[in-house]
Protein backbone atom coordinates (compact mmCIF):
# COMPACT_ATOMS: atom_id res chain seq x y z
CA MET A 1 25.73 17.22 -124.90
CA ARG A 2 25.86 18.31 -127.99
CA LYS A 3 24.86 21.99 -129.53
CA PRO A 4 21.77 22.07 -131.76
CA TRP A 5 23.72 23.81 -134.84
CA ILE A 6 25.40 20.46 -134.42
CA VAL A 7 22.17 18.07 -134.99
CA PHE A 8 21.27 20.70 -138.11
CA VAL A 9 24.99 20.11 -139.70
CA LEU A 10 24.96 16.05 -139.47
CA LEU A 11 21.79 16.00 -141.53
CA LEU A 12 23.31 18.04 -143.77
CA PRO A 13 25.04 15.11 -146.32
CA VAL A 14 22.29 13.12 -146.01
CA LEU A 15 19.53 15.51 -146.89
CA CYS A 16 21.12 17.63 -149.75
CA LEU A 17 18.50 17.88 -152.18
CA ASN A 18 17.90 20.20 -154.97
CA ALA A 19 14.60 22.47 -153.23
CA SER A 20 14.95 26.10 -154.94
CA ALA A 21 11.75 26.58 -156.82
CA THR A 22 13.72 28.75 -159.20
CA SER A 23 16.45 26.00 -160.20
CA PRO A 24 15.80 23.21 -161.88
CA PRO A 25 14.66 19.99 -160.32
CA ALA A 26 16.66 17.47 -158.81
CA THR A 27 18.86 15.08 -160.86
CA SER A 28 17.18 11.66 -160.73
CA PRO A 29 19.68 8.69 -159.90
CA SER A 30 18.58 7.25 -163.93
CA ALA A 31 19.23 11.31 -165.42
CA THR A 32 22.55 11.34 -168.09
CA PRO A 33 24.99 13.76 -165.66
CA PRO A 34 25.91 16.44 -168.20
CA PRO A 35 29.72 15.91 -170.14
CA ALA A 36 32.53 17.37 -168.49
CA THR A 37 36.03 16.77 -167.62
CA LEU A 38 38.24 18.42 -164.36
CA ALA A 39 38.97 21.69 -166.55
CA ASP A 40 35.24 22.42 -166.64
CA ALA A 41 36.54 22.09 -161.93
CA ALA A 42 39.77 23.97 -162.59
CA TRP A 43 38.02 27.66 -161.36
CA LEU A 44 37.53 25.99 -158.08
CA ALA A 45 41.14 25.35 -157.08
CA GLY A 46 42.54 27.68 -155.24
CA THR A 47 42.00 28.75 -151.24
CA TRP A 48 38.20 30.30 -149.98
CA GLN A 49 37.32 31.75 -147.39
CA GLY A 50 34.24 33.14 -146.13
CA GLU A 51 30.94 33.01 -143.31
CA GLY A 52 28.16 29.67 -143.40
CA LEU A 53 26.44 28.38 -140.97
CA GLY A 54 27.22 30.71 -138.50
CA GLY A 55 30.70 30.58 -138.43
CA TRP A 56 33.74 31.18 -140.78
CA VAL A 57 34.53 28.82 -143.29
CA GLU A 58 37.48 27.99 -145.81
CA ASP A 59 37.17 25.49 -149.13
CA VAL A 60 40.46 24.42 -150.17
CA TRP A 61 40.81 22.85 -153.85
CA GLY A 62 43.85 21.89 -154.95
CA GLU A 63 44.41 21.83 -158.88
CA PRO A 64 42.84 18.73 -161.18
CA ARG A 65 45.45 16.28 -161.57
CA ALA A 66 45.63 12.69 -162.23
CA GLY A 67 41.91 12.30 -162.50
CA ALA A 68 40.95 14.53 -159.09
CA MET A 69 40.57 17.54 -157.91
CA PRO A 70 41.59 17.21 -153.73
CA GLY A 71 39.41 19.35 -151.69
CA MET A 72 39.68 20.46 -148.09
CA PHE A 73 36.51 22.23 -145.50
CA ARG A 74 36.43 23.47 -142.29
CA LEU A 75 33.54 25.57 -140.00
CA VAL A 76 35.04 27.38 -137.32
CA LYS A 77 32.22 28.59 -134.36
CA ASP A 78 32.32 30.02 -131.14
CA GLY A 79 36.04 29.62 -132.02
CA SER A 80 36.51 26.36 -132.77
CA VAL A 81 36.21 23.21 -134.83
CA ALA A 82 33.21 22.21 -135.42
CA PHE A 83 33.94 20.07 -138.22
CA TYR A 84 35.77 18.95 -141.62
CA GLU A 85 35.23 18.09 -145.20
CA ILE A 86 37.44 15.93 -147.38
CA LEU A 87 36.51 16.56 -150.86
CA SER A 88 37.09 15.41 -154.71
CA ILE A 89 36.00 16.00 -157.84
CA VAL A 90 36.77 12.94 -159.98
CA GLU A 91 35.74 12.13 -163.86
CA LYS A 92 33.69 9.29 -164.17
CA ASP A 93 31.43 7.87 -167.17
CA GLY A 94 32.66 11.03 -169.16
CA SER A 95 31.14 13.92 -166.55
CA LEU A 96 31.98 14.22 -162.84
CA GLU A 97 31.38 13.36 -159.08
CA LEU A 98 32.17 14.93 -156.01
CA ARG A 99 32.57 12.62 -153.63
CA LEU A 100 32.95 13.52 -149.44
CA LYS A 101 33.70 12.41 -146.25
CA HIS A 102 32.96 14.49 -142.66
CA PHE A 103 34.89 14.98 -139.66
CA ASN A 104 34.12 15.85 -136.17
CA ALA A 105 37.22 18.19 -134.50
CA ASP A 106 39.09 15.42 -133.48
CA LEU A 107 39.12 13.89 -136.74
CA THR A 108 36.70 10.97 -135.71
CA GLY A 109 34.38 10.27 -138.86
CA TRP A 110 30.99 10.32 -139.35
CA GLU A 111 30.55 8.19 -142.14
CA GLU A 112 31.53 4.51 -142.06
CA LYS A 113 34.78 3.71 -142.68
CA ASP A 114 33.99 2.87 -146.30
CA LYS A 115 31.27 4.69 -147.00
CA VAL A 116 31.71 8.26 -149.03
CA LEU A 117 29.27 10.41 -150.26
CA ALA A 118 28.80 10.99 -154.08
CA PHE A 119 26.65 13.61 -156.11
CA PRO A 120 27.06 13.44 -159.74
CA LEU A 121 27.07 16.18 -161.75
CA SER A 122 23.95 17.59 -162.45
CA GLU A 123 23.76 21.10 -164.33
CA LYS A 124 26.91 22.63 -165.95
CA SER A 125 27.61 25.75 -167.24
CA GLU A 126 30.36 28.91 -167.57
CA GLY A 127 30.89 28.91 -163.84
CA LYS A 128 28.99 26.49 -162.12
CA LEU A 129 28.57 23.43 -161.07
CA ARG A 130 26.05 21.36 -159.52
CA PHE A 131 25.93 17.90 -157.89
CA GLY A 132 22.42 17.16 -156.92
CA GLY A 133 21.98 19.43 -154.33
CA ILE A 134 25.40 21.37 -153.35
CA SER A 135 25.79 24.48 -156.43
CA TYR A 136 29.45 26.32 -156.64
CA THR A 137 28.89 29.63 -158.40
CA ARG A 138 31.72 31.62 -159.71
CA THR A 139 30.77 35.34 -158.74
CA GLU A 140 32.38 39.10 -159.17
CA ASP A 141 33.37 38.68 -155.86
CA GLY A 142 34.04 34.91 -155.33
CA LEU A 143 32.17 31.89 -155.16
CA LEU A 144 28.54 30.82 -153.62
CA CYS A 145 28.10 27.65 -152.49
CA VAL A 146 24.49 26.47 -151.98
CA VAL A 147 23.42 23.10 -150.06
CA ALA A 148 20.08 22.69 -149.58
CA ILE A 149 19.22 20.89 -146.73
CA ARG A 150 15.71 19.10 -145.47
CA GLY A 151 15.15 19.49 -141.46
CA LYS A 152 13.79 17.60 -139.14
CA ASP A 153 10.76 18.69 -140.36
CA GLY A 154 10.69 17.84 -143.48
CA VAL A 155 10.90 21.62 -144.89
CA VAL A 156 13.97 21.60 -147.19
CA ARG A 157 16.08 25.50 -147.18
CA GLU A 158 18.45 26.94 -149.58
CA GLU A 159 21.80 27.31 -146.96
CA PRO A 160 24.25 29.87 -149.01
CA PHE A 161 28.23 29.73 -147.98
CA ARG A 162 30.13 33.35 -148.90
CA PHE A 163 33.70 33.02 -149.99
CA ALA A 164 36.14 35.54 -150.97
CA LYS A 165 38.85 33.62 -152.74
CA ARG A 166 42.72 34.35 -151.03
CA PRO A 167 45.63 35.73 -153.03
CA GLY A 168 48.16 33.24 -152.83
């Protein structure tokens, strides 16, 4: 039997959108992404640990190299891995795109074998990147990632992930 939060998490990637009343509206598919290179995302490199979705979370980003920044995310809840994400920020058409795939704890995939979720860069400023409904913001004491999620009931809410950078 699936735990209720797993059903919620399964909706996370498919239903991401920008729903904050104080944030700019979600970028439409026809909008041109802002100019950017991996140098604009280099500040994300490193290991980030914290809290989100009611558990312990970790986001690890490699240094930009060869046109991409690889990443890994994991959620640990109730002493067990709930799921993983493999991520990549890539340069595309003079801007950036966030690509990701989800995996259960046993590494079985959520998305179809040849499918990837892709979110073009929709906003860029000093210490902030937004890829549609997923934003990364550098804060005084770490990193805030906010994911906008539409639930089964149609209500959109923003789920914050608060990270501190692990030394080293």
